[in-house]
C-alpha cells in the first residue's frame, strides 16, 4: 500500500451498497394487480354471455313476427264470401295450423277465424299466433285482426 493513497473499498458485484432511486413493483403488487384485472375480465365475459342470449331472443321474436305477418297478410288477402266468412279453402271451420319449417323446424303458426255477426256484419276476427321453444321455454307472439268485407 502506498502512503497517502486512500484504500478503495471493494464491493461485491451483486451487492448494492447504495439504495437505488429506481422504482419497481414487488411480486405481491403484481399479483394483486393481476387479480383485479382477472375479476374485471370475468365480469365483462359474463355480461357478454347475457348480451348474446338477449340477441338470440330478439332474433327469434323478430323471425316469429315476420312469419305471423306473412300468414296474416295471406289470410287478409282472401275475399269474404256473402255469408261474411273466409272461403272454405282454409278448412271446414276456417281454422288452420301450419308448421313453418326453418333449418331447425322451430316455429309453428296457428290461426283461428271466427265470424263477427255482432257487432259488425260481414266481418271476421283473425287470431294468429306463432310459437317456438327457446332454451327450454315456450315463447309466443300473437296478433288479432278484424277483417271486414271492405278490406
Protein backbone atom coordinates (compact mmCIF):
# COMPACT_ATOMS: atom_id res chain seq x y z
CA UNK A 1 0.00 0.00 0.00
CA UNK A 2 1.21 3.45 -0.84
CA UNK A 3 1.04 6.04 1.78
CA UNK A 4 -1.33 8.89 1.28
CA UNK A 5 -3.50 6.99 -1.09
CA UNK A 6 -6.78 6.03 0.41
CA UNK A 7 -7.72 2.47 0.02
CA UNK A 8 -10.61 1.86 -2.30
CA UNK A 9 -13.22 -0.22 -0.75
CA UNK A 10 -14.01 -3.13 -2.96
CA UNK A 11 -17.63 -4.05 -3.22
CA UNK A 12 -19.20 -7.27 -4.18
CA UNK A 13 -20.61 -7.13 -7.75
CA UNK A 14 -24.07 -8.38 -6.69
CA UNK A 15 -24.32 -6.22 -3.62
CA UNK A 16 -25.69 -2.73 -3.97
CA UNK A 17 -24.43 -0.53 -1.19
CA UNK A 18 -26.29 2.50 -2.39
CA UNK A 19 -30.06 2.49 -2.30
CA UNK A 20 -31.41 2.96 -5.78
CA UNK A 21 -33.85 5.66 -6.69
CA UNK A 22 -35.29 3.42 -9.38
CA UNK A 23 -38.89 2.38 -8.66
CA UNK A 24 -40.23 -1.09 -9.22
CA UNK A 25 -43.05 -3.40 -8.30
CA UNK A 26 -42.89 -6.15 -5.81
CA UNK A 27 -44.24 -9.57 -6.58
CA UNK A 28 -47.19 -9.01 -4.23
CA UNK A 29 -48.15 -5.78 -6.03
CA UNK A 30 -48.05 -7.55 -9.38
CA UNK A 31 -50.20 -10.44 -8.09
CA UNK A 32 -52.79 -8.03 -6.64
CA UNK A 33 -52.94 -6.10 -9.93
CA UNK A 34 -53.38 -9.33 -11.92
CA UNK A 35 -56.16 -10.47 -9.55
CA UNK A 36 -58.06 -7.20 -10.00
CA UNK A 37 -57.62 -7.44 -13.77
CA UNK A 38 -58.89 -11.05 -13.79
CA UNK A 39 -62.03 -10.10 -11.83
CA UNK A 40 -62.74 -7.32 -14.34
CA UNK A 41 -62.29 -9.63 -17.32
CA UNK A 42 -64.62 -12.22 -15.76
CA UNK A 43 -67.31 -9.55 -15.26
CA UNK A 44 -67.05 -8.48 -18.90
CA UNK A 45 -67.17 -12.10 -20.10
CA UNK A 46 -70.29 -12.92 -18.07
CA UNK A 47 -72.10 -9.84 -19.34
CA UNK A 48 -71.14 -10.82 -22.89
CA UNK A 49 -72.95 -14.16 -22.46
CA UNK A 50 -76.09 -12.32 -21.34
CA UNK A 51 -75.90 -9.98 -24.33
CA UNK A 52 -75.53 -12.90 -26.75
CA UNK A 53 -78.60 -14.64 -25.25
CA UNK A 54 -80.59 -11.41 -25.47
CA UNK A 55 -79.67 -11.03 -29.13
CA UNK A 56 -80.80 -14.60 -29.84
CA UNK A 57 -84.15 -13.95 -28.13
CA UNK A 58 -84.63 -10.78 -30.17
CA UNK A 59 -83.79 -12.62 -33.38
CA UNK A 60 -86.28 -15.43 -32.68
CA UNK A 61 -89.01 -12.92 -31.77
CA UNK A 62 -88.34 -10.99 -34.95
CA UNK A 63 -88.47 -14.13 -37.11
CA UNK A 64 -91.74 -15.16 -35.44
CA UNK A 65 -93.23 -11.72 -36.07
CA UNK A 66 -92.25 -11.86 -39.74
CA UNK A 67 -93.86 -15.31 -40.10
CA UNK A 68 -97.02 -14.10 -38.34
CA UNK A 69 -97.23 -11.03 -40.54
CA UNK A 70 -96.82 -13.10 -43.71
CA UNK A 71 -99.59 -15.53 -42.70
CA UNK A 72 -101.87 -12.70 -41.59
CA UNK A 73 -101.42 -10.97 -44.94
CA UNK A 74 -102.30 -14.24 -46.71
CA UNK A 75 -105.50 -14.54 -44.68
CA UNK A 76 -106.41 -10.89 -45.17
CA UNK A 77 -105.99 -11.25 -48.94
CA UNK A 78 -108.69 -13.96 -49.08
CA UNK A 79 -112.09 -12.49 -50.01
CA UNK A 80 -115.06 -12.86 -47.69
CA UNK A 81 -117.95 -14.85 -49.15
CA UNK A 82 -121.50 -13.47 -48.95
CA UNK A 83 -122.03 -15.07 -45.54
CA UNK A 84 -119.14 -12.98 -44.18
CA UNK A 85 -116.68 -15.79 -43.68
CA UNK A 86 -113.45 -16.66 -45.37
CA UNK A 87 -113.66 -19.29 -48.11
CA UNK A 88 -113.60 -22.98 -47.28
CA UNK A 89 -110.06 -23.22 -48.67
CA UNK A 90 -108.79 -22.97 -45.11
CA UNK A 91 -110.84 -25.90 -43.86
CA UNK A 92 -114.39 -26.59 -42.73
CA UNK A 93 -114.05 -24.48 -39.59
CA UNK A 94 -111.98 -21.67 -41.12
CA UNK A 95 -109.20 -22.52 -38.71
CA UNK A 96 -105.76 -23.71 -39.53
CA UNK A 97 -102.40 -24.77 -38.28
CA UNK A 98 -99.25 -24.76 -40.29
CA UNK A 99 -95.84 -25.85 -39.11
CA UNK A 100 -93.37 -23.47 -40.63
CA UNK A 101 -90.05 -25.17 -41.08
CA UNK A 102 -86.78 -23.38 -40.97
CA UNK A 103 -83.44 -25.12 -40.64
CA UNK A 104 -84.32 -26.12 -37.08
CA UNK A 105 -88.09 -26.70 -37.50
CA UNK A 106 -88.54 -24.14 -34.75
CA UNK A 107 -91.80 -22.28 -35.44
CA UNK A 108 -95.49 -23.25 -35.51
CA UNK A 109 -98.08 -20.83 -36.88
CA UNK A 110 -101.69 -21.27 -35.64
CA UNK A 111 -104.73 -19.23 -36.53
CA UNK A 112 -108.46 -19.16 -35.91
CA UNK A 113 -111.02 -17.25 -37.91
CA UNK A 114 -114.40 -16.56 -36.34
CA UNK A 115 -117.48 -14.70 -37.56
CA UNK A 116 -118.35 -11.35 -36.06
CA UNK A 117 -122.08 -11.05 -36.88
CA UNK A 118 -122.42 -8.89 -33.81
CA UNK A 119 -121.42 -6.07 -33.59
CA UNK A 120 -120.25 -5.98 -37.23
CA UNK A 121 -121.84 -7.88 -40.10
CA UNK A 122 -119.62 -9.21 -42.87
CA UNK A 123 -116.56 -9.25 -40.65
CA UNK A 124 -114.30 -11.90 -39.23
CA UNK A 125 -111.83 -11.90 -36.41
CA UNK A 126 -108.47 -13.48 -37.15
CA UNK A 127 -106.39 -14.60 -34.15
CA UNK A 128 -102.93 -15.71 -35.15
CA UNK A 129 -100.04 -16.90 -33.02
CA UNK A 130 -96.53 -18.18 -33.61
CA UNK A 131 -94.92 -20.43 -31.01
CA UNK A 132 -91.39 -21.74 -30.64
CA UNK A 133 -89.10 -23.18 -27.98
CA UNK A 134 -86.09 -21.29 -26.82
CA UNK A 135 -83.67 -22.62 -24.19
CA UNK A 136 -86.36 -24.96 -22.84
CA UNK A 137 -89.10 -22.31 -22.63
CA UNK A 138 -92.07 -21.99 -24.94
CA UNK A 139 -92.33 -18.49 -26.44
CA UNK A 140 -95.23 -16.97 -28.32
CA UNK A 141 -96.20 -13.90 -30.32
CA UNK A 142 -99.87 -13.29 -31.01
CA UNK A 143 -101.86 -10.96 -33.26
CA UNK A 144 -105.56 -10.14 -33.56
CA UNK A 145 -107.07 -8.63 -36.69
CA UNK A 146 -110.64 -7.84 -37.73
CA UNK A 147 -111.31 -8.15 -41.44
CA UNK A 148 -114.38 -6.59 -42.95
CA UNK A 149 -115.77 -7.11 -46.43
CA UNK A 150 -114.27 -3.77 -47.47
CA UNK A 151 -110.70 -4.76 -46.56
